[in-house]
Amino acid sequence: MNLENLVVISGKPGVFKMLVNKNNGMIAQNLDTQKKGFFSTRSHQFTPLASITVYTTDEQGGAELSTVFDNMFNAGDTPSAKASADELREYFGKVLPEHDRDQVHISDIKKIIKWFSFLNERDLLIADEEGDSEEKTDEEE
C-alpha cells in the first residue's frame, strides 16, 4: 500500500492528502470534500500514515501500517470500529497475529480500522503486489 502524502491532522476528522509542506504548517486537501486548506503547526499536529508502525512481539519490533492495511485488505470483512473490544481484538489477532497485546490498545485498533475503512471506501488503497506485477510486465515488453 502506498500511504505516501497521506496524513492525519489532529482535531480534524478523516485523512488528508499533503500538498505543500511549509515551515509554519501544511497545505492539505480533504479527501472527502476535496477542499484545500492551510493547517498551522501552532494549532495542529500532523502524522503521516507512512510513518506509523504497530508494535509487535517479533524481532522487528513493529509492522508498518501499509503491511497492516495489506493484511486487512486480504482478510475480507472488516468489523465496525464500534464493535465490542473482544471482537476488535480477535479481528486484529487474525490480521496481525504478532501484535503486542500490551502496547496496542483497543483505541489504536479502532483508529486503524477507521483509517482503513475511510481509504478503502474511496478506493485509495491499492495493493503493492498489483503495482509490482504491472511494472514487471511493462519492463518485459
Protein backbone atom coordinates (compact mmCIF):
# COMPACT_ATOMS: atom_id res chain seq x y z
CA MET A 1 0.00 0.00 0.00
CA ASN A 2 1.28 3.42 -0.86
CA LEU A 3 0.49 5.77 2.01
CA GLU A 4 2.90 8.47 0.92
CA ASN A 5 1.47 12.02 1.20
CA LEU A 6 -1.48 10.86 3.33
CA VAL A 7 -1.63 12.49 6.76
CA VAL A 8 -3.89 12.61 9.78
CA ILE A 9 -4.33 16.08 11.26
CA SER A 10 -5.15 16.47 14.94
CA GLY A 11 -8.57 17.97 15.54
CA LYS A 12 -9.76 17.14 12.02
CA PRO A 13 -11.71 14.01 11.06
CA GLY A 14 -10.59 11.76 8.24
CA VAL A 15 -7.41 11.52 6.25
CA PHE A 16 -5.85 14.33 4.22
CA LYS A 17 -3.52 14.48 1.23
CA MET A 18 -0.47 16.64 1.87
CA LEU A 19 0.03 19.09 -0.99
CA VAL A 20 2.70 21.51 0.30
CA ASN A 21 4.79 21.31 3.46
CA LYS A 22 5.80 24.70 4.88
CA ASN A 23 7.87 25.79 7.89
CA ASN A 24 4.81 27.03 9.77
CA GLY A 25 2.31 24.42 8.63
CA MET A 26 0.93 22.45 5.74
CA ILE A 27 -1.45 22.86 2.83
CA ALA A 28 -3.58 19.74 2.66
CA GLN A 29 -6.61 18.54 0.76
CA ASN A 30 -9.59 16.95 2.48
CA LEU A 31 -10.21 13.65 0.69
CA ASP A 32 -13.98 13.90 1.27
CA THR A 33 -14.73 17.45 0.17
CA GLN A 34 -11.63 17.98 -2.00
CA LYS A 35 -11.23 21.38 -0.30
CA LYS A 36 -7.70 22.62 0.24
CA GLY A 37 -6.67 24.45 3.35
CA PHE A 38 -3.73 25.65 5.40
CA PHE A 39 -3.17 23.98 8.77
CA SER A 40 -0.80 25.70 11.17
CA THR A 41 1.75 23.82 13.26
CA ARG A 42 0.70 26.02 16.17
CA SER A 43 -2.80 24.55 16.14
CA HIS A 44 -2.34 21.06 14.73
CA GLN A 45 -0.10 18.03 14.79
CA PHE A 46 0.50 16.04 11.61
CA THR A 47 1.00 12.30 11.43
CA PRO A 48 2.00 10.83 8.06
CA LEU A 49 0.36 7.42 7.68
CA ALA A 50 3.54 6.06 6.10
CA SER A 51 5.43 6.69 9.37
CA ILE A 52 3.05 4.74 11.63
CA THR A 53 4.10 1.34 12.93
CA VAL A 54 2.20 -1.13 15.09
CA TYR A 55 4.06 -2.74 18.00
CA THR A 56 4.80 -6.43 17.52
CA THR A 57 6.41 -9.11 19.67
CA ASP A 58 8.75 -10.40 16.94
CA GLU A 59 12.38 -9.39 16.36
CA GLN A 60 11.42 -6.48 14.13
CA GLY A 61 9.50 -4.79 16.95
CA GLY A 62 6.89 -3.26 14.67
CA ALA A 63 4.86 -3.63 11.50
CA GLU A 64 4.34 -0.73 9.10
CA LEU A 65 0.79 0.49 8.69
CA SER A 66 0.93 -0.37 4.97
CA THR A 67 1.58 -4.02 5.91
CA VAL A 68 -1.34 -3.98 8.33
CA PHE A 69 -3.59 -2.46 5.64
CA ASP A 70 -2.46 -5.14 3.16
CA ASN A 71 -3.39 -7.82 5.69
CA MET A 72 -6.76 -6.15 6.37
CA PHE A 73 -7.42 -5.88 2.63
CA ASN A 74 -6.77 -9.60 2.21
CA ALA A 75 -8.70 -10.58 5.37
CA GLY A 76 -12.08 -9.74 3.89
CA ASP A 77 -14.86 -8.24 6.03
CA THR A 78 -13.69 -5.57 8.43
CA PRO A 79 -15.75 -5.08 11.60
CA SER A 80 -17.10 -1.67 12.53
CA ALA A 81 -14.89 0.45 14.75
CA LYS A 82 -17.85 0.48 17.14
CA ALA A 83 -17.74 -3.31 17.62
CA SER A 84 -17.02 -4.79 21.03
CA ALA A 85 -13.46 -4.77 22.36
CA ASP A 86 -13.31 -8.58 22.23
CA GLU A 87 -14.43 -8.65 18.59
CA LEU A 88 -11.90 -5.97 17.61
CA ARG A 89 -9.05 -7.75 19.43
CA GLU A 90 -10.00 -11.07 17.80
CA TYR A 91 -10.10 -9.48 14.32
CA PHE A 92 -6.77 -7.73 14.82
CA GLY A 93 -5.30 -11.02 16.04
CA LYS A 94 -6.20 -12.52 12.67
CA VAL A 95 -4.84 -9.54 10.73
CA LEU A 96 -1.59 -9.17 12.69
CA PRO A 97 -1.13 -12.21 14.97
CA GLU A 98 2.23 -10.98 16.29
CA HIS A 99 0.91 -7.59 17.51
CA ASP A 100 1.85 -6.72 21.09
CA ARG A 101 -1.37 -7.03 23.04
CA ASP A 102 0.01 -4.93 25.90
CA GLN A 103 1.07 -1.94 23.79
CA VAL A 104 -1.61 -1.98 21.07
CA HIS A 105 -4.76 -0.70 22.75
CA ILE A 106 -8.35 -1.05 21.57
CA SER A 107 -8.37 2.69 20.77
CA ASP A 108 -5.40 2.11 18.42
CA ILE A 109 -7.24 -0.74 16.69
CA LYS A 110 -10.33 1.46 16.30
CA LYS A 111 -8.23 4.24 14.68
CA ILE A 112 -6.60 1.80 12.29
CA ILE A 113 -9.98 0.34 11.31
CA LYS A 114 -11.43 3.84 10.79
CA TRP A 115 -8.49 4.88 8.58
CA PHE A 116 -8.65 1.63 6.62
CA SER A 117 -12.42 1.93 6.07
CA PHE A 118 -12.11 5.61 5.10
CA LEU A 119 -9.43 4.90 2.49
CA ASN A 120 -10.97 1.65 1.24
CA GLU A 121 -14.42 3.23 0.71
CA ARG A 122 -12.75 5.84 -1.51
CA ASP A 123 -10.71 3.24 -3.46
CA LEU A 124 -7.45 4.81 -2.28
CA LEU A 125 -5.89 1.52 -1.17
CA ILE A 126 -4.08 -0.35 -3.91
CA ALA A 127 -2.15 -3.49 -3.05
CA ASP A 128 1.59 -3.27 -3.72
CA GLU A 129 1.65 -6.65 -5.46
CA GLU A 130 -0.57 -5.33 -8.25
CA GLY A 131 1.71 -2.36 -8.85
CA ASP A 132 4.83 -4.53 -8.81
CA SER A 133 3.42 -7.02 -11.32
CA GLU A 134 2.34 -4.20 -13.65
CA GLU A 135 5.84 -2.69 -13.57
CA LYS A 136 7.40 -6.06 -14.37
CA THR A 137 5.03 -6.50 -17.31
CA ASP A 138 5.99 -3.08 -18.69
CA GLU A 139 9.71 -3.86 -18.32
CA GLU A 140 9.37 -7.22 -20.11
CA GLU A 141 7.77 -5.61 -23.17
